[in-house]
Amino acid sequence: MRKEPIVIACLFLTAIGFSQKPDTLIKKLDSLSKKTDSAGGQKNNINPSAYNENTKITFSSYFILLGSDLKQEITAPFHLKHKDWLYVGEFAVVEGGLFFADEPVQRYALGLRNRNAAVVNVSKYVTRFGGAYEAYVLASLGAYGFLFKNEKIKTTTLLATQAYITGGAMESLLKLISGRQRPSFYDPNSLEAEPKFRGPFNSGKDIYGNRINSSFPSGHTTVAFAAATVFAMEYKNHPLIPILSYSAATLIGLSRITENVHWITDVVAGAALGYLTGRQVVNNYHRYSKLKAPKQKKNTVSFNLQYNYHQLMPGLVYNF
C-alpha cells in the first residue's frame, strides 16, 4: 500500500481538524477519552434513534473527530494502563512466535500459487478490496445513507472512512520505523527472501536499486480491519454483519500473503492495529454524541397535568 498519499492527506486533514475551535470539542473529547479505555469497556448506544440531527457528523465535526482520532492514536502508548501493557505483552509473545512461521508460510503460499491458477486469480481480485475497491464500497454505502436518509448507515460509513484514514496514517508511520524487507524482494547473493528489519527509513533496495516500501505492518490489512471493526461495532445487534465484515477483512489479509507482498506477521500486526483503530474511532464518536445530545437533568422532579377520561389529573415525573 503506497503511504505517501495517505501521509500527505493525514497531515492536511489534521491541520484542518485542529484549526476548528467550536466549543473546544477536542479538549472535551480528550478529557472523556481518559475516563474510558478506547480499546474496550465503553458501552455505546447503537439504537437507530441515537443517530439524529443532534449527533450527526457535520463537515467541521468530521475533521475535528479525525484530528482527535489521530491525536489519540499517536499518544495512546503514553496512556496505557497496567492491564493494557499485559495485553501488549501477550500480543508480543504471540507475534514473536509467529516470526518463526514467516518463511515456512511464505514458501507454502508460493507453492500454492504455482499449483493452482484459481488461487492467483481469486487472490488478485480479493486483495484489491484492501485498496481502491474498499473506497468504492464505502462510497456506495455512504451514497445509500444520504439518498435514503438513513442516519445510522451514513454515520457508520463516515466513521469507517475515519478509521481507514487513521489506520493508514498509523501503519505508514510504523512502516517508516520498522523498515522491513518484503518477501517479494530477495538478496541477489543468496537468492532468498529474508524477513529482515532494517530499521527506520531503511527497508532495502531491489536488484534494480529501487527503494523498497517497508512491509510491516500490512497496510491493506490494517485499513480493512479498521473499517470492518466500525461496521461490526455499530451493527453488533445484527450478527451477520460482524461475521461478513471480519471475514472479508481476513480474506484481504490472507491475499496479501498469497500475493507474496507480506509476511504472516505483517498481516497479524495489521489486523491488530486495524481492530484497535476501529474501536478507538467508534468510541470517540460516541463520546462526541454524548456531548452533542440534549442533556436532561438527572434526579429531578417535575409537575404536570394530564387530561384523561374527561378529568384533569395532576402528576409528578421523576428523572433518574
Protein backbone atom coordinates (compact mmCIF):
# COMPACT_ATOMS: atom_id res chain seq x y z
CA MET A 1 0.00 0.00 0.00
CA ARG A 2 1.51 3.35 -1.03
CA LYS A 3 1.96 5.51 2.03
CA GLU A 4 2.89 8.89 0.55
CA PRO A 5 -0.67 9.99 -0.43
CA ILE A 6 -2.08 8.87 2.92
CA VAL A 7 0.61 10.66 4.93
CA ILE A 8 0.10 13.90 2.98
CA ALA A 9 -3.70 13.63 3.28
CA CYS A 10 -3.50 12.98 7.01
CA LEU A 11 -1.23 15.96 7.62
CA PHE A 12 -3.67 18.14 5.70
CA LEU A 13 -6.74 16.78 7.48
CA THR A 14 -5.07 17.02 10.87
CA ALA A 15 -4.25 20.68 10.25
CA ILE A 16 -7.86 21.35 9.32
CA GLY A 17 -9.16 19.36 12.28
CA PHE A 18 -7.06 21.21 14.85
CA SER A 19 -7.80 24.60 13.30
CA GLN A 20 -11.50 24.17 14.16
CA LYS A 21 -12.41 25.61 17.57
CA PRO A 22 -16.17 25.28 18.15
CA ASP A 23 -16.91 24.67 21.84
CA THR A 24 -13.34 23.33 22.44
CA LEU A 25 -14.60 19.92 21.33
CA ILE A 26 -11.13 18.38 21.08
CA LYS A 27 -10.35 19.23 24.69
CA LYS A 28 -13.65 17.74 25.80
CA LEU A 29 -13.03 14.56 23.78
CA ASP A 30 -9.52 14.26 25.20
CA SER A 31 -10.89 14.61 28.70
CA LEU A 32 -13.54 11.95 28.16
CA SER A 33 -11.08 9.57 26.48
CA LYS A 34 -9.02 9.42 29.67
CA LYS A 35 -12.01 8.14 31.60
CA THR A 36 -12.67 5.21 29.29
CA ASP A 37 -10.25 2.86 27.62
CA SER A 38 -10.64 3.43 23.87
CA ALA A 39 -9.92 -0.25 23.15
CA GLY A 40 -12.76 -1.64 25.23
CA GLY A 41 -15.06 -1.32 28.20
CA GLN A 42 -17.18 1.50 26.82
CA LYS A 43 -20.91 0.97 26.36
CA ASN A 44 -22.24 2.71 23.26
CA ASN A 45 -25.82 3.43 22.29
CA ILE A 46 -26.26 1.91 18.82
CA ASN A 47 -30.04 2.23 18.60
CA PRO A 48 -31.12 3.97 15.38
CA SER A 49 -32.68 6.78 17.44
CA ALA A 50 -29.20 7.71 18.74
CA TYR A 51 -28.23 8.86 15.24
CA ASN A 52 -30.15 12.08 14.73
CA GLU A 53 -29.81 15.78 13.96
CA ASN A 54 -28.11 16.43 17.28
CA THR A 55 -25.46 13.73 16.93
CA LYS A 56 -24.88 13.72 13.17
CA ILE A 57 -21.40 14.32 11.80
CA THR A 58 -21.10 17.67 10.04
CA PHE A 59 -18.31 18.83 7.73
CA SER A 60 -16.47 20.63 10.53
CA SER A 61 -17.04 17.97 13.20
CA TYR A 62 -15.78 15.28 10.81
CA PHE A 63 -12.34 16.86 10.73
CA ILE A 64 -12.41 17.65 14.44
CA LEU A 65 -13.11 13.98 15.16
CA LEU A 66 -10.48 12.89 12.66
CA GLY A 67 -7.89 15.14 14.27
CA SER A 68 -8.87 13.78 17.68
CA ASP A 69 -8.62 10.20 16.38
CA LEU A 70 -5.10 10.78 15.07
CA LYS A 71 -4.02 12.50 18.27
CA GLN A 72 -5.40 9.73 20.48
CA GLU A 73 -3.81 7.02 18.32
CA ILE A 74 -0.36 8.63 18.40
CA THR A 75 -0.45 9.35 22.13
CA ALA A 76 -2.11 6.05 23.13
CA PRO A 77 1.15 4.36 24.29
CA PHE A 78 1.60 7.14 26.87
CA HIS A 79 -1.81 6.49 28.41
CA LEU A 80 -1.80 2.70 28.67
CA LYS A 81 -2.80 1.20 32.00
CA HIS A 82 -1.23 -1.81 33.67
CA LYS A 83 -3.74 -4.26 32.19
CA ASP A 84 -3.20 -2.74 28.75
CA TRP A 85 0.53 -3.42 28.96
CA LEU A 86 -0.29 -7.02 29.83
CA TYR A 87 -2.30 -7.29 26.61
CA VAL A 88 0.59 -5.74 24.70
CA GLY A 89 2.96 -8.28 26.23
CA GLU A 90 0.67 -11.19 25.34
CA PHE A 91 0.41 -10.00 21.75
CA ALA A 92 4.17 -9.54 21.55
CA VAL A 93 4.66 -13.16 22.65
CA VAL A 94 2.21 -14.43 20.01
CA GLU A 95 3.69 -12.22 17.31
CA GLY A 96 7.21 -13.27 18.31
CA GLY A 97 6.25 -16.91 17.96
CA LEU A 98 4.81 -16.27 14.52
CA PHE A 99 8.15 -14.87 13.32
CA PHE A 100 9.33 -18.48 13.10
CA ALA A 101 6.44 -19.17 10.72
CA ASP A 102 7.15 -16.28 8.35
CA GLU A 103 9.36 -18.15 5.90
CA PRO A 104 7.55 -21.54 6.00
CA VAL A 105 4.19 -19.83 5.39
CA GLN A 106 5.67 -17.79 2.54
CA ARG A 107 7.07 -20.90 0.86
CA TYR A 108 3.73 -22.70 1.28
CA ALA A 109 1.85 -19.73 -0.25
CA LEU A 110 4.21 -19.64 -3.23
CA GLY A 111 3.79 -23.37 -3.76
CA LEU A 112 0.00 -22.98 -3.60
CA ARG A 113 0.13 -20.26 -6.26
CA ASN A 114 2.31 -22.38 -8.52
CA ARG A 115 -0.02 -25.38 -8.25
CA ASN A 116 -3.35 -23.62 -8.59
CA ALA A 117 -4.14 -20.87 -11.12
CA ALA A 118 -7.50 -20.22 -9.43
CA VAL A 119 -5.72 -19.09 -6.26
CA VAL A 120 -3.82 -16.50 -8.29
CA ASN A 121 -6.98 -15.11 -9.89
CA VAL A 122 -9.01 -15.02 -6.66
CA SER A 123 -6.11 -13.55 -4.69
CA LYS A 124 -5.64 -10.67 -7.14
CA TYR A 125 -9.35 -9.88 -7.03
CA VAL A 126 -9.69 -10.06 -3.22
CA THR A 127 -6.57 -8.03 -2.48
CA ARG A 128 -7.99 -5.04 -4.37
CA PHE A 129 -10.71 -4.72 -1.71
CA GLY A 130 -8.00 -3.67 0.73
CA GLY A 131 -7.22 -0.69 -1.50
CA ALA A 132 -9.23 1.17 -4.12
CA TYR A 133 -12.20 -1.24 -4.11
CA GLU A 134 -12.77 -0.65 -0.39
CA ALA A 135 -13.06 3.08 -1.08
CA TYR A 136 -15.71 2.31 -3.73
CA VAL A 137 -17.67 0.15 -1.29
CA LEU A 138 -17.61 2.85 1.39
CA ALA A 139 -18.65 5.48 -1.16
CA SER A 140 -21.60 3.30 -2.24
CA LEU A 141 -22.75 2.75 1.35
CA GLY A 142 -22.42 6.44 2.08
CA ALA A 143 -24.43 7.33 -1.01
CA TYR A 144 -27.16 4.91 0.09
CA GLY A 145 -27.30 6.56 3.51
CA PHE A 146 -27.58 10.04 2.01
CA LEU A 147 -30.17 9.12 -0.65
CA PHE A 148 -32.45 7.20 1.70
CA LYS A 149 -31.76 9.46 4.70
CA ASN A 150 -30.57 6.60 6.85
CA GLU A 151 -28.55 8.41 9.53
CA LYS A 152 -27.07 5.26 11.02
CA ILE A 153 -25.63 3.93 7.75
CA LYS A 154 -24.42 7.41 6.83
CA THR A 155 -22.72 7.90 10.21
CA THR A 156 -21.21 4.41 10.22
CA THR A 157 -19.75 4.92 6.76
CA LEU A 158 -18.24 8.27 7.73
CA LEU A 159 -16.70 6.63 10.80
CA ALA A 160 -15.33 3.84 8.59
CA THR A 161 -13.60 6.44 6.40
CA GLN A 162 -12.08 8.00 9.53
CA ALA A 163 -10.85 4.58 10.61
CA TYR A 164 -9.46 4.00 7.11
CA ILE A 165 -7.52 7.28 7.18
CA THR A 166 -6.35 6.92 10.78
CA GLY A 167 -5.29 3.31 10.27
CA GLY A 168 -3.49 4.25 7.06
CA ALA A 169 -1.59 7.02 8.85
CA MET A 170 -0.56 4.75 11.72
CA GLU A 171 0.62 1.89 9.51
CA SER A 172 2.58 4.36 7.36
CA LEU A 173 4.33 5.66 10.47
CA LEU A 174 5.14 2.14 11.66
CA LYS A 175 6.49 1.24 8.23
CA LEU A 176 8.89 4.16 8.34
CA ILE A 177 10.11 2.97 11.73
CA SER A 178 10.30 -0.77 11.01
CA GLY A 179 11.95 -0.76 7.57
CA ARG A 180 11.12 -4.41 6.93
CA GLN A 181 12.06 -6.20 3.74
CA ARG A 182 9.16 -7.64 1.72
CA PRO A 183 9.03 -11.32 0.72
CA SER A 184 8.79 -10.30 -2.95
CA PHE A 185 12.34 -8.93 -2.83
CA TYR A 186 15.36 -11.11 -2.27
CA ASP A 187 19.07 -10.85 -1.68
CA PRO A 188 20.81 -11.14 -5.09
CA ASN A 189 23.64 -13.04 -3.41
CA SER A 190 21.60 -15.71 -1.63
CA LEU A 191 18.55 -15.54 -3.98
CA GLU A 192 16.33 -15.93 -0.92
CA ALA A 193 13.77 -13.64 0.68
CA GLU A 194 14.51 -12.80 4.31
CA PRO A 195 12.08 -11.21 6.81
CA LYS A 196 14.65 -8.67 7.96
CA PHE A 197 14.02 -5.47 9.89
CA ARG A 198 16.48 -2.88 8.62
CA GLY A 199 15.41 -0.08 10.94
CA PRO A 200 13.96 3.40 10.42
CA PHE A 201 13.84 4.74 6.84
CA ASN A 202 15.73 1.72 5.53
CA SER A 203 13.70 -1.14 4.09
CA GLY A 204 16.34 -2.01 1.50
CA LYS A 205 16.52 -1.86 -2.28
CA ASP A 206 15.62 -4.30 -5.02
CA ILE A 207 18.02 -5.74 -7.59
CA TYR A 208 17.47 -2.64 -9.75
CA GLY A 209 18.43 -0.25 -6.95
CA ASN A 210 14.88 0.97 -6.30
CA ARG A 211 13.90 1.68 -2.71
CA ILE A 212 11.57 -0.95 -1.23
CA ASN A 213 8.45 0.08 0.68
CA SER A 214 8.52 -1.50 4.15
CA SER A 215 6.14 -4.41 4.70
CA PHE A 216 5.46 -4.14 8.46
CA PRO A 217 2.59 -3.88 9.16
CA SER A 218 0.34 -4.74 6.21
CA GLY A 219 -1.43 -1.56 5.09
CA HIS A 220 -4.22 -3.33 3.20
CA THR A 221 -4.97 -5.49 6.24
CA THR A 222 -4.88 -2.54 8.62
CA VAL A 223 -7.43 -0.41 6.76
CA ALA A 224 -9.61 -3.47 6.01
CA PHE A 225 -9.86 -4.42 9.69
CA ALA A 226 -10.27 -0.77 10.74
CA ALA A 227 -13.36 -0.32 8.55
CA ALA A 228 -14.66 -3.82 9.35
CA THR A 229 -14.45 -3.14 13.10
CA VAL A 230 -16.52 0.03 12.71
CA PHE A 231 -19.35 -1.86 11.00
CA ALA A 232 -19.04 -4.79 13.41
CA MET A 233 -19.40 -2.50 16.43
CA GLU A 234 -22.16 -0.31 15.05
CA TYR A 235 -24.20 -3.32 13.91
CA LYS A 236 -23.28 -5.86 16.59
CA ASN A 237 -27.00 -6.44 17.16
CA HIS A 238 -27.07 -7.97 13.65
CA PRO A 239 -24.65 -10.97 14.00
CA LEU A 240 -24.33 -11.49 10.26
CA ILE A 241 -22.73 -8.07 9.70
CA PRO A 242 -19.76 -8.60 12.06
CA ILE A 243 -19.23 -12.07 10.55
CA LEU A 244 -19.23 -10.72 6.98
CA SER A 245 -17.08 -7.70 7.92
CA TYR A 246 -14.34 -9.65 9.65
CA SER A 247 -14.46 -12.48 7.09
CA ALA A 248 -13.87 -10.00 4.25
CA ALA A 249 -11.01 -8.34 6.16
CA THR A 250 -9.44 -11.74 6.90
CA LEU A 251 -9.56 -12.75 3.24
CA ILE A 252 -7.88 -9.48 2.31
CA GLY A 253 -5.13 -10.19 4.82
CA LEU A 254 -4.60 -13.72 3.51
CA SER A 255 -4.48 -12.40 -0.05
CA ARG A 256 -1.52 -10.23 0.90
CA ILE A 257 0.36 -13.42 1.78
CA THR A 258 -0.64 -15.29 -1.38
CA GLU A 259 0.31 -12.18 -3.38
CA ASN A 260 3.78 -12.57 -1.83
CA VAL A 261 3.96 -8.95 -0.66
CA HIS A 262 3.65 -9.56 3.10
CA TRP A 263 4.82 -11.99 5.75
CA ILE A 264 2.24 -13.53 8.07
CA THR A 265 3.47 -11.39 10.97
CA ASP A 266 2.85 -8.27 8.85
CA VAL A 267 -0.75 -9.34 8.36
CA VAL A 268 -1.38 -10.24 12.01
CA ALA A 269 0.09 -6.91 13.16
CA GLY A 270 -2.02 -5.06 10.59
CA ALA A 271 -5.18 -6.86 11.76
CA ALA A 272 -4.48 -5.93 15.40
CA LEU A 273 -3.73 -2.32 14.52
CA GLY A 274 -6.85 -2.04 12.37
CA TYR A 275 -9.05 -3.58 15.07
CA LEU A 276 -7.80 -1.19 17.75
CA THR A 277 -8.11 1.77 15.39
CA GLY A 278 -11.70 0.89 14.51
CA ARG A 279 -12.65 0.61 18.18
CA GLN A 280 -10.98 3.90 19.01
CA VAL A 281 -12.79 5.74 16.20
CA VAL A 282 -16.20 4.33 17.15
CA ASN A 283 -15.79 5.04 20.86
CA ASN A 284 -14.54 8.53 20.13
CA TYR A 285 -17.66 9.27 18.08
CA HIS A 286 -19.97 8.02 20.83
CA ARG A 287 -18.22 10.23 23.34
CA TYR A 288 -18.84 13.06 20.89
CA SER A 289 -22.51 12.11 20.53
CA LYS A 290 -22.94 12.23 24.31
CA LEU A 291 -21.52 15.74 24.31
CA LYS A 292 -23.83 16.85 21.49
CA ALA A 293 -27.02 15.09 22.59
CA PRO A 294 -29.57 17.16 24.52
CA LYS A 295 -28.82 16.89 28.21
CA GLN A 296 -31.57 16.13 30.64
CA LYS A 297 -31.08 16.84 34.30
CA LYS A 298 -31.00 13.78 36.48
CA ASN A 299 -32.66 13.24 39.87
CA THR A 300 -35.20 16.00 39.26
CA VAL A 301 -38.93 16.15 39.97
CA SER A 302 -41.35 17.96 37.69
CA PHE A 303 -45.08 18.60 37.94
CA ASN A 304 -47.52 18.13 35.05
CA LEU A 305 -51.23 17.94 34.30
CA GLN A 306 -52.94 15.32 32.16
CA TYR A 307 -56.48 15.28 30.84
CA ASN A 308 -57.85 11.72 30.74
CA TYR A 309 -61.42 10.43 30.65
CA HIS A 310 -62.89 13.94 30.97
CA GLN A 311 -60.89 14.59 34.14
CA LEU A 312 -57.92 16.86 34.83
CA MET A 313 -55.34 14.85 36.77
CA PRO A 314 -52.11 16.18 38.35
CA GLY A 315 -48.90 14.11 38.14
CA LEU A 316 -45.25 14.01 39.13
CA VAL A 317 -42.35 12.98 36.86
CA TYR A 318 -39.07 11.87 38.42
CA ASN A 319 -35.96 11.71 36.19
CA PHE A 320 -33.35 9.23 37.40
